[in-house]
Amino acid sequence: MTRLVLAFAVFLLASPLHAQESSPNMTPDRLLDILLALDPETRPAGNGVELTIEDVPVLVIVDPLADRMRAMVPIRAVDGMTPEDLERVMQANFDTALDARYAVANGRLWGVYIHPLSPLRRDQLISGLGQTVNLALTYGGLFTGGALSFGGGDSVPLQRELIDRLLEKGQDI
């Protein structure tokens, strides 16, 4: 039993999860460095940053005093959405949107990823951005963040591809 516990402890210490736990707290400057790795044309704008991922505009807002970060992508105008459309995005929020969410504000449907800033890790940020972009790309079809799916099919590898490519771009930051 002692050997099993020791082996498990060694596994945890050697795992990527442990490596991420020792990474520095997220700051606005570190976040900007990561975003620049994903899109070299990233543009700071006030308390936020504008970038493009897969031809989807992304706005990342940082509030260091509140220790919050919010990434948002516009999807469509709310005007014209049927009750069935709204129900479908709420269903997706429950099972397929994952860490990203559909949200409504200012007459627009958004994909959003919200997280406390300081404990945010690089891979969490990149995965959250990928999931948020995937919400926009799959709106009207699969309605998914793309990181996980319950069930089989051909779409899972295609949906996961964006997140994997973004993680690779940001791995050295």
N, C-alpha and C. Protein backbone atom coordinates (compact mmCIF):
# COMPACT_ATOMS: atom_id res chain seq x y z
N MET A 1 0.83 -1.20 0.00
CA MET A 1 0.00 0.00 0.00
C MET A 1 0.87 1.26 0.00
N THR A 2 1.95 1.25 0.79
CA THR A 2 2.84 2.40 0.85
C THR A 2 3.46 2.68 -0.51
N ARG A 3 3.85 1.61 -1.22
CA ARG A 3 4.42 1.79 -2.55
C ARG A 3 3.40 2.41 -3.50
N LEU A 4 2.15 1.99 -3.40
CA LEU A 4 1.10 2.54 -4.25
C LEU A 4 0.91 4.03 -3.98
N VAL A 5 0.89 4.42 -2.73
CA VAL A 5 0.76 5.83 -2.37
C VAL A 5 1.96 6.62 -2.86
N LEU A 6 3.16 6.07 -2.68
CA LEU A 6 4.38 6.72 -3.15
C LEU A 6 4.37 6.86 -4.67
N ALA A 7 3.97 5.82 -5.38
CA ALA A 7 3.90 5.87 -6.86
C ALA A 7 2.89 6.92 -7.30
N PHE A 8 1.77 6.99 -6.62
CA PHE A 8 0.75 7.99 -6.95
C PHE A 8 1.29 9.40 -6.71
N ALA A 9 2.01 9.61 -5.62
CA ALA A 9 2.58 10.93 -5.32
C ALA A 9 3.61 11.32 -6.38
N VAL A 10 4.44 10.38 -6.80
CA VAL A 10 5.43 10.66 -7.85
C VAL A 10 4.71 11.01 -9.15
N PHE A 11 3.66 10.28 -9.46
CA PHE A 11 2.87 10.57 -10.67
C PHE A 11 2.32 11.99 -10.61
N LEU A 12 1.75 12.38 -9.50
CA LEU A 12 1.18 13.73 -9.38
C LEU A 12 2.26 14.80 -9.51
N LEU A 13 3.41 14.59 -8.90
CA LEU A 13 4.48 15.57 -8.97
C LEU A 13 5.05 15.70 -10.37
N ALA A 14 5.00 14.63 -11.15
CA ALA A 14 5.55 14.66 -12.51
C ALA A 14 4.51 15.06 -13.55
N SER A 15 3.27 15.19 -13.16
CA SER A 15 2.21 15.44 -14.13
C SER A 15 2.16 16.90 -14.56
N PRO A 16 1.59 17.17 -15.75
CA PRO A 16 1.43 18.55 -16.21
C PRO A 16 0.58 19.38 -15.25
N LEU A 17 -0.36 18.73 -14.56
CA LEU A 17 -1.20 19.45 -13.60
C LEU A 17 -0.32 20.07 -12.52
N HIS A 18 0.63 19.31 -12.00
CA HIS A 18 1.52 19.85 -10.97
C HIS A 18 2.38 20.96 -11.54
N ALA A 19 2.87 20.78 -12.75
CA ALA A 19 3.70 21.81 -13.38
C ALA A 19 2.92 23.11 -13.52
N GLN A 20 1.65 23.02 -13.85
CA GLN A 20 0.86 24.24 -13.99
C GLN A 20 0.62 24.89 -12.63
N GLU A 21 0.48 24.09 -11.60
CA GLU A 21 0.23 24.65 -10.28
C GLU A 21 1.37 25.55 -9.83
N SER A 22 2.60 25.26 -10.29
CA SER A 22 3.73 26.06 -9.85
C SER A 22 3.99 27.26 -10.77
N SER A 23 3.17 27.44 -11.81
CA SER A 23 3.37 28.58 -12.70
C SER A 23 2.94 29.87 -11.99
N PRO A 24 3.47 31.00 -12.43
CA PRO A 24 3.19 32.26 -11.74
C PRO A 24 1.74 32.69 -11.89
N ASN A 25 1.31 33.53 -10.95
CA ASN A 25 -0.04 34.09 -11.04
C ASN A 25 -0.19 34.88 -12.32
N MET A 26 -1.40 34.85 -12.86
CA MET A 26 -1.68 35.60 -14.07
C MET A 26 -1.75 37.08 -13.74
N THR A 27 -1.11 37.87 -14.58
CA THR A 27 -1.16 39.33 -14.49
C THR A 27 -1.61 39.85 -15.86
N PRO A 28 -2.02 41.11 -15.94
CA PRO A 28 -2.37 41.65 -17.26
C PRO A 28 -1.21 41.54 -18.26
N ASP A 29 0.03 41.77 -17.82
CA ASP A 29 1.17 41.67 -18.74
C ASP A 29 1.39 40.23 -19.22
N ARG A 30 1.30 39.27 -18.31
CA ARG A 30 1.46 37.86 -18.71
C ARG A 30 0.34 37.44 -19.65
N LEU A 31 -0.88 37.87 -19.36
CA LEU A 31 -2.01 37.56 -20.22
C LEU A 31 -1.77 38.12 -21.63
N LEU A 32 -1.27 39.36 -21.71
CA LEU A 32 -0.99 39.97 -23.01
C LEU A 32 0.08 39.17 -23.76
N ASP A 33 1.12 38.72 -23.07
CA ASP A 33 2.16 37.91 -23.72
C ASP A 33 1.57 36.64 -24.32
N ILE A 34 0.67 36.00 -23.59
CA ILE A 34 0.04 34.77 -24.09
C ILE A 34 -0.83 35.07 -25.31
N LEU A 35 -1.60 36.15 -25.23
CA LEU A 35 -2.47 36.52 -26.35
C LEU A 35 -1.66 36.89 -27.58
N LEU A 36 -0.52 37.55 -27.39
CA LEU A 36 0.35 37.88 -28.52
C LEU A 36 0.92 36.63 -29.18
N ALA A 37 1.15 35.58 -28.40
CA ALA A 37 1.61 34.31 -28.97
C ALA A 37 0.53 33.68 -29.85
N LEU A 38 -0.74 33.89 -29.46
CA LEU A 38 -1.85 33.32 -30.22
C LEU A 38 -2.16 34.14 -31.47
N ASP A 39 -2.02 35.47 -31.35
CA ASP A 39 -2.27 36.37 -32.48
C ASP A 39 -1.30 37.54 -32.38
N PRO A 40 -0.24 37.54 -33.19
CA PRO A 40 0.75 38.62 -33.13
C PRO A 40 0.17 40.01 -33.40
N GLU A 41 -1.02 40.07 -33.98
CA GLU A 41 -1.67 41.35 -34.25
C GLU A 41 -2.62 41.78 -33.13
N THR A 42 -2.50 41.14 -31.96
CA THR A 42 -3.30 41.50 -30.79
C THR A 42 -3.12 42.98 -30.50
N ARG A 43 -4.23 43.68 -30.18
CA ARG A 43 -4.21 45.12 -29.94
C ARG A 43 -4.78 45.46 -28.56
N PRO A 44 -3.96 46.03 -27.68
CA PRO A 44 -4.52 46.53 -26.41
C PRO A 44 -5.52 47.64 -26.69
N ALA A 45 -6.61 47.66 -25.94
CA ALA A 45 -7.66 48.67 -26.11
C ALA A 45 -8.27 48.96 -24.74
N GLY A 46 -7.83 50.05 -24.11
CA GLY A 46 -8.35 50.39 -22.77
C GLY A 46 -7.95 49.33 -21.77
N ASN A 47 -8.93 48.81 -21.04
CA ASN A 47 -8.65 47.75 -20.06
C ASN A 47 -8.81 46.36 -20.68
N GLY A 48 -8.76 46.33 -22.01
CA GLY A 48 -8.92 45.07 -22.70
C GLY A 48 -7.94 44.89 -23.83
N VAL A 49 -8.13 43.81 -24.54
CA VAL A 49 -7.28 43.44 -25.66
C VAL A 49 -8.18 42.87 -26.75
N GLU A 50 -7.92 43.27 -27.98
CA GLU A 50 -8.65 42.72 -29.12
C GLU A 50 -7.71 41.83 -29.92
N LEU A 51 -8.20 40.66 -30.29
CA LEU A 51 -7.43 39.76 -31.13
C LEU A 51 -8.39 38.98 -32.02
N THR A 52 -7.84 38.19 -32.91
CA THR A 52 -8.65 37.37 -33.80
C THR A 52 -8.13 35.94 -33.75
N ILE A 53 -9.07 35.01 -33.59
CA ILE A 53 -8.75 33.58 -33.60
C ILE A 53 -9.70 32.92 -34.58
N GLU A 54 -9.16 32.24 -35.58
CA GLU A 54 -9.98 31.56 -36.60
C GLU A 54 -10.97 32.53 -37.26
N ASP A 55 -10.52 33.73 -37.55
CA ASP A 55 -11.35 34.78 -38.17
C ASP A 55 -12.50 35.24 -37.28
N VAL A 56 -12.45 34.93 -36.00
CA VAL A 56 -13.47 35.37 -35.04
C VAL A 56 -12.86 36.45 -34.16
N PRO A 57 -13.49 37.64 -34.10
CA PRO A 57 -12.97 38.69 -33.22
C PRO A 57 -13.19 38.32 -31.75
N VAL A 58 -12.15 38.51 -30.95
CA VAL A 58 -12.20 38.19 -29.53
C VAL A 58 -11.83 39.44 -28.75
N LEU A 59 -12.59 39.76 -27.73
CA LEU A 59 -12.29 40.86 -26.83
C LEU A 59 -12.05 40.27 -25.45
N VAL A 60 -10.89 40.58 -24.87
CA VAL A 60 -10.55 40.11 -23.53
C VAL A 60 -10.46 41.33 -22.63
N ILE A 61 -11.27 41.36 -21.58
CA ILE A 61 -11.31 42.47 -20.63
C ILE A 61 -10.69 41.98 -19.32
N VAL A 62 -9.82 42.81 -18.75
CA VAL A 62 -9.15 42.46 -17.49
C VAL A 62 -9.46 43.53 -16.46
N ASP A 63 -9.82 43.10 -15.26
CA ASP A 63 -10.03 44.00 -14.14
C ASP A 63 -9.17 43.50 -12.98
N PRO A 64 -7.92 43.99 -12.89
CA PRO A 64 -7.02 43.50 -11.84
C PRO A 64 -7.53 43.80 -10.43
N LEU A 65 -8.23 44.91 -10.22
CA LEU A 65 -8.74 45.24 -8.89
C LEU A 65 -9.78 44.23 -8.42
N ALA A 66 -10.62 43.77 -9.34
CA ALA A 66 -11.63 42.76 -9.01
C ALA A 66 -11.08 41.34 -9.21
N ASP A 67 -9.84 41.24 -9.73
CA ASP A 67 -9.18 39.97 -10.00
C ASP A 67 -10.04 39.11 -10.94
N ARG A 68 -10.50 39.72 -12.04
CA ARG A 68 -11.36 39.02 -13.00
C ARG A 68 -10.85 39.20 -14.42
N MET A 69 -11.19 38.23 -15.26
CA MET A 69 -10.90 38.26 -16.68
C MET A 69 -12.14 37.76 -17.40
N ARG A 70 -12.45 38.41 -18.52
CA ARG A 70 -13.60 38.00 -19.32
C ARG A 70 -13.21 38.04 -20.79
N ALA A 71 -13.38 36.92 -21.49
CA ALA A 71 -13.15 36.86 -22.93
C ALA A 71 -14.52 36.73 -23.60
N MET A 72 -14.72 37.51 -24.67
CA MET A 72 -16.04 37.54 -25.31
C MET A 72 -15.89 37.51 -26.83
N VAL A 73 -16.81 36.80 -27.48
CA VAL A 73 -16.89 36.82 -28.94
C VAL A 73 -18.34 37.09 -29.32
N PRO A 74 -18.56 38.02 -30.25
CA PRO A 74 -19.94 38.27 -30.71
C PRO A 74 -20.40 37.13 -31.61
N ILE A 75 -21.66 36.74 -31.46
CA ILE A 75 -22.19 35.66 -32.28
C ILE A 75 -23.28 36.15 -33.23
N ARG A 76 -24.28 36.84 -32.68
CA ARG A 76 -25.37 37.33 -33.52
C ARG A 76 -26.23 38.30 -32.73
N ALA A 77 -27.09 39.01 -33.43
CA ALA A 77 -28.06 39.86 -32.77
C ALA A 77 -29.12 38.98 -32.10
N VAL A 78 -29.60 39.41 -30.95
CA VAL A 78 -30.64 38.67 -30.26
C VAL A 78 -31.98 38.84 -31.00
N ASP A 79 -32.16 40.00 -31.60
CA ASP A 79 -33.38 40.26 -32.37
C ASP A 79 -33.53 39.18 -33.45
N GLY A 80 -34.63 38.52 -33.45
CA GLY A 80 -34.86 37.46 -34.43
C GLY A 80 -34.64 36.06 -33.87
N MET A 81 -34.04 35.97 -32.67
CA MET A 81 -33.90 34.64 -32.07
C MET A 81 -35.26 34.18 -31.57
N THR A 82 -35.59 32.95 -31.87
CA THR A 82 -36.86 32.39 -31.42
C THR A 82 -36.71 31.85 -30.00
N PRO A 83 -37.83 31.60 -29.34
CA PRO A 83 -37.74 30.95 -28.02
C PRO A 83 -36.98 29.61 -28.10
N GLU A 84 -37.12 28.90 -29.22
CA GLU A 84 -36.40 27.64 -29.39
C GLU A 84 -34.89 27.88 -29.49
N ASP A 85 -34.48 28.96 -30.17
CA ASP A 85 -33.06 29.31 -30.25
C ASP A 85 -32.50 29.58 -28.85
N LEU A 86 -33.23 30.36 -28.08
CA LEU A 86 -32.77 30.68 -26.72
C LEU A 86 -32.72 29.43 -25.85
N GLU A 87 -33.71 28.57 -25.99
CA GLU A 87 -33.70 27.33 -25.22
C GLU A 87 -32.49 26.47 -25.62
N ARG A 88 -32.18 26.43 -26.90
CA ARG A 88 -31.05 25.61 -27.36
C ARG A 88 -29.72 26.09 -26.78
N VAL A 89 -29.50 27.42 -26.73
CA VAL A 89 -28.24 27.89 -26.14
C VAL A 89 -28.20 27.62 -24.64
N MET A 90 -29.36 27.67 -23.99
CA MET A 90 -29.37 27.33 -22.55
C MET A 90 -29.08 25.84 -22.35
N GLN A 91 -29.59 25.00 -23.23
CA GLN A 91 -29.27 23.57 -23.15
C GLN A 91 -27.76 23.35 -23.35
N ALA A 92 -27.20 24.07 -24.32
CA ALA A 92 -25.76 23.94 -24.58
C ALA A 92 -24.96 24.41 -23.37
N ASN A 93 -25.42 25.46 -22.69
CA ASN A 93 -24.72 25.91 -21.47
C ASN A 93 -24.66 24.80 -20.44
N PHE A 94 -25.64 23.92 -20.44
CA PHE A 94 -25.69 22.84 -19.47
C PHE A 94 -24.77 21.69 -19.83
N ASP A 95 -24.66 21.34 -21.14
CA ASP A 95 -23.94 20.10 -21.43
C ASP A 95 -22.80 20.19 -22.44
N THR A 96 -22.79 21.13 -23.35
CA THR A 96 -21.74 21.10 -24.37
C THR A 96 -20.88 22.36 -24.44
N ALA A 97 -21.30 23.45 -23.81
CA ALA A 97 -20.51 24.68 -23.87
C ALA A 97 -19.27 24.59 -22.99
N LEU A 98 -19.31 23.74 -21.98
CA LEU A 98 -18.17 23.47 -21.10
C LEU A 98 -17.78 24.70 -20.28
N ASP A 99 -16.54 25.20 -20.37
CA ASP A 99 -16.12 26.34 -19.56
C ASP A 99 -16.59 27.67 -20.16
N ALA A 100 -16.88 27.68 -21.43
CA ALA A 100 -17.43 28.87 -22.09
C ALA A 100 -18.95 28.84 -21.92
N ARG A 101 -19.59 29.97 -22.14
CA ARG A 101 -21.04 30.07 -22.00
C ARG A 101 -21.60 30.99 -23.07
N TYR A 102 -22.83 30.70 -23.45
CA TYR A 102 -23.58 31.66 -24.24
C TYR A 102 -24.16 32.68 -23.28
N ALA A 103 -24.20 33.94 -23.68
CA ALA A 103 -24.74 35.00 -22.83
C ALA A 103 -25.38 36.06 -23.73
N VAL A 104 -26.31 36.81 -23.14
CA VAL A 104 -26.99 37.89 -23.86
C VAL A 104 -26.68 39.20 -23.15
N ALA A 105 -26.24 40.20 -23.93
CA ALA A 105 -26.01 41.54 -23.40
C ALA A 105 -26.07 42.53 -24.55
N ASN A 106 -26.65 43.67 -24.27
CA ASN A 106 -26.72 44.76 -25.24
C ASN A 106 -27.29 44.32 -26.59
N GLY A 107 -28.34 43.49 -26.55
CA GLY A 107 -29.00 43.08 -27.78
C GLY A 107 -28.22 42.10 -28.63
N ARG A 108 -27.21 41.45 -28.05
CA ARG A 108 -26.35 40.55 -28.81
C ARG A 108 -26.15 39.25 -28.04
N LEU A 109 -26.04 38.15 -28.78
CA LEU A 109 -25.66 36.86 -28.21
C LEU A 109 -24.13 36.78 -28.28
N TRP A 110 -23.53 36.43 -27.17
CA TRP A 110 -22.07 36.34 -27.05
C TRP A 110 -21.68 34.94 -26.62
N GLY A 111 -20.45 34.57 -26.95
CA GLY A 111 -19.77 33.46 -26.31
C GLY A 111 -18.83 34.10 -25.30
N VAL A 112 -18.83 33.62 -24.06
CA VAL A 112 -18.00 34.24 -23.02
C VAL A 112 -17.26 33.17 -22.20
N TYR A 113 -16.10 33.57 -21.73
CA TYR A 113 -15.33 32.77 -20.78
C TYR A 113 -14.91 33.73 -19.68
N ILE A 114 -15.30 33.42 -18.45
CA ILE A 114 -15.04 34.30 -17.30
C ILE A 114 -14.26 33.50 -16.26
N HIS A 115 -13.21 34.14 -15.72
CA HIS A 115 -12.38 33.42 -14.75
C HIS A 115 -11.71 34.44 -13.82
N PRO A 116 -11.46 34.09 -12.55
CA PRO A 116 -10.62 34.95 -11.71
C PRO A 116 -9.25 35.10 -12.38
N LEU A 117 -8.68 36.29 -12.34
CA LEU A 117 -7.44 36.56 -13.06
C LEU A 117 -6.22 35.88 -12.45
N SER A 118 -5.93 36.13 -11.19
CA SER A 118 -4.65 35.69 -10.62
C SER A 118 -4.46 34.17 -10.62
N PRO A 119 -5.48 33.35 -10.34
CA PRO A 119 -5.25 31.91 -10.37
C PRO A 119 -5.31 31.30 -11.78
N LEU A 120 -5.65 32.10 -12.77
CA LEU A 120 -5.78 31.60 -14.15
C LEU A 120 -4.43 31.11 -14.66
N ARG A 121 -4.40 29.93 -15.19
CA ARG A 121 -3.18 29.35 -15.75
C ARG A 121 -3.22 29.45 -17.27
N ARG A 122 -2.03 29.44 -17.86
CA ARG A 122 -1.90 29.59 -19.31
C ARG A 122 -2.81 28.63 -20.07
N ASP A 123 -2.75 27.35 -19.75
CA ASP A 123 -3.55 26.37 -20.48
C ASP A 123 -5.04 26.56 -20.26
N GLN A 124 -5.44 27.02 -19.07
CA GLN A 124 -6.85 27.33 -18.83
C GLN A 124 -7.29 28.47 -19.72
N LEU A 125 -6.48 29.52 -19.80
CA LEU A 125 -6.80 30.67 -20.64
C LEU A 125 -6.94 30.25 -22.10
N ILE A 126 -5.96 29.52 -22.60
CA ILE A 126 -5.96 29.13 -24.00
C ILE A 126 -7.13 28.20 -24.30
N SER A 127 -7.38 27.25 -23.43
CA SER A 127 -8.51 26.35 -23.63
C SER A 127 -9.83 27.12 -23.57
N GLY A 128 -9.96 28.03 -22.61
CA GLY A 128 -11.18 28.84 -22.51
C GLY A 128 -11.41 29.69 -23.74
N LEU A 129 -10.34 30.28 -24.29
CA LEU A 129 -10.47 31.05 -25.53
C LEU A 129 -10.91 30.16 -26.68
N GLY A 130 -10.29 28.99 -26.79
CA GLY A 130 -10.66 28.06 -27.86
C GLY A 130 -12.10 27.61 -27.74
N GLN A 131 -12.55 27.33 -26.52
CA GLN A 131 -13.94 26.93 -26.32
C GLN A 131 -14.89 28.06 -26.69
N THR A 132 -14.52 29.30 -26.33
CA THR A 132 -15.38 30.45 -26.62
C THR A 132 -15.50 30.67 -28.12
N VAL A 133 -14.38 30.58 -28.83
CA VAL A 133 -14.41 30.70 -30.29
C VAL A 133 -15.22 29.56 -30.89
N ASN A 134 -15.05 28.35 -30.36
CA ASN A 134 -15.83 27.21 -30.86
C ASN A 134 -17.33 27.44 -30.68
N LEU A 135 -17.75 28.11 -29.60
CA LEU A 135 -19.18 28.41 -29.43
C LEU A 135 -19.69 29.23 -30.60
N ALA A 136 -18.90 30.21 -31.03
CA ALA A 136 -19.31 31.04 -32.16
C ALA A 136 -19.31 30.23 -33.45
N LEU A 137 -18.28 29.42 -33.65
CA LEU A 137 -18.15 28.65 -34.89
C LEU A 137 -19.21 27.55 -35.01
N THR A 138 -19.67 27.03 -33.89
CA THR A 138 -20.63 25.92 -33.93
C THR A 138 -22.06 26.36 -33.64
N TYR A 139 -22.27 27.68 -33.47
CA TYR A 139 -23.63 28.18 -33.23
C TYR A 139 -24.53 27.78 -34.41
N GLY A 140 -25.71 27.28 -34.10
CA GLY A 140 -26.64 26.86 -35.14
C GLY A 140 -26.43 25.42 -35.58
N GLY A 141 -25.39 24.78 -35.05
CA GLY A 141 -25.11 23.40 -35.40
C GLY A 141 -24.94 22.56 -34.16
N LEU A 142 -23.68 22.38 -33.75
CA LEU A 142 -23.38 21.54 -32.59
C LEU A 142 -23.46 22.28 -31.26
N PHE A 143 -23.36 23.62 -31.27
CA PHE A 143 -23.42 24.41 -30.04
C PHE A 143 -22.45 23.86 -28.99
N THR A 144 -21.17 23.79 -29.31
CA THR A 144 -20.22 23.16 -28.41
C THR A 144 -18.95 23.98 -28.22
N GLY A 145 -18.37 23.84 -27.03
CA GLY A 145 -17.07 24.43 -26.77
C GLY A 145 -15.95 23.60 -27.38
N GLY A 146 -16.24 22.33 -27.70
CA GLY A 146 -15.32 21.50 -28.44
C GLY A 146 -14.29 20.73 -27.64
N ALA A 147 -14.20 20.89 -26.34
CA ALA A 147 -13.17 20.20 -25.58
C ALA A 147 -13.59 18.79 -25.19
N LEU A 148 -14.85 18.58 -24.92
CA LEU A 148 -15.36 17.27 -24.52
C LEU A 148 -16.72 17.06 -25.17
N SER A 149 -17.08 15.80 -25.30
CA SER A 149 -18.41 15.49 -25.81
C SER A 149 -18.86 14.19 -25.19
N PHE A 150 -20.11 14.10 -24.90
CA PHE A 150 -20.67 12.86 -24.37
C PHE A 150 -21.27 12.10 -25.54
N GLY A 151 -20.64 11.02 -25.93
CA GLY A 151 -21.11 10.23 -27.06
C GLY A 151 -20.05 10.14 -28.13
N GLY A 152 -20.28 9.28 -29.09
CA GLY A 152 -19.32 9.07 -30.16
C GLY A 152 -19.64 9.92 -31.36
N GLY A 153 -18.85 9.75 -32.38
CA GLY A 153 -19.07 10.48 -33.62
C GLY A 153 -17.78 11.00 -34.19
N ASP A 154 -17.88 11.59 -35.36
CA ASP A 154 -16.71 12.09 -36.07
C ASP A 154 -16.35 13.51 -35.71
N SER A 155 -17.21 14.24 -35.03
CA SER A 155 -17.00 15.67 -34.83
C SER A 155 -16.02 16.00 -33.71
N VAL A 156 -15.82 15.11 -32.75
CA VAL A 156 -14.98 15.42 -31.60
C VAL A 156 -13.56 15.81 -32.00
N PRO A 157 -12.87 15.03 -32.85
CA PRO A 157 -11.50 15.44 -33.21
C PRO A 157 -11.47 16.79 -33.93
N LEU A 158 -12.44 17.07 -34.76
CA LEU A 158 -12.48 18.34 -35.47
C LEU A 158 -12.69 19.50 -34.51
N GLN A 159 -13.56 19.31 -33.53
CA GLN A 159 -13.84 20.37 -32.56
C GLN A 159 -12.64 20.60 -31.65
N ARG A 160 -11.93 19.58 -31.29
CA ARG A 160 -10.79 19.67 -30.39
C ARG A 160 -9.56 20.28 -31.08
N GLU A 161 -9.51 20.22 -32.40
CA GLU A 161 -8.35 20.67 -33.16
C GLU A 161 -7.96 22.11 -32.86
N LEU A 162 -8.91 23.04 -32.79
CA LEU A 162 -8.61 24.45 -32.51
C LEU A 162 -7.95 24.59 -31.15
N ILE A 163 -8.49 23.98 -30.14
CA ILE A 163 -7.93 24.10 -28.79
C ILE A 163 -6.51 23.54 -28.77
N ASP A 164 -6.28 22.40 -29.41
CA ASP A 164 -4.94 21.81 -29.45
C ASP A 164 -3.94 22.73 -30.16
N ARG A 165 -4.35 23.35 -31.28
CA ARG A 165 -3.45 24.25 -31.99
C ARG A 165 -3.13 25.48 -31.15
N LEU A 166 -4.11 26.03 -30.44
CA LEU A 166 -3.86 27.19 -29.59
C LEU A 166 -2.94 26.84 -28.42
N LEU A 167 -3.14 25.68 -27.81
CA LEU A 167 -2.26 25.24 -26.73
C LEU A 167 -0.83 25.11 -27.22
N GLU A 168 -0.64 24.62 -28.43
CA GLU A 168 0.71 24.49 -28.99
C GLU A 168 1.35 25.86 -29.20
N LYS A 169 0.58 26.83 -29.71
CA LYS A 169 1.11 28.17 -29.92
C LYS A 169 1.56 28.82 -28.62
N GLY A 170 0.84 28.58 -27.54
CA GLY A 170 1.13 29.24 -26.28
C GLY A 170 1.98 28.45 -25.32
N GLN A 171 2.54 27.33 -25.75
CA GLN A 171 3.23 26.45 -24.81
C GLN A 171 4.51 27.03 -24.23
N ASP A 172 5.17 27.96 -24.90
CA ASP A 172 6.44 28.49 -24.40
C ASP A 172 6.28 29.75 -23.57
N ILE A 173 5.09 30.19 -23.33
CA ILE A 173 4.85 31.45 -22.60
C ILE A 173 4.66 31.13 -21.12
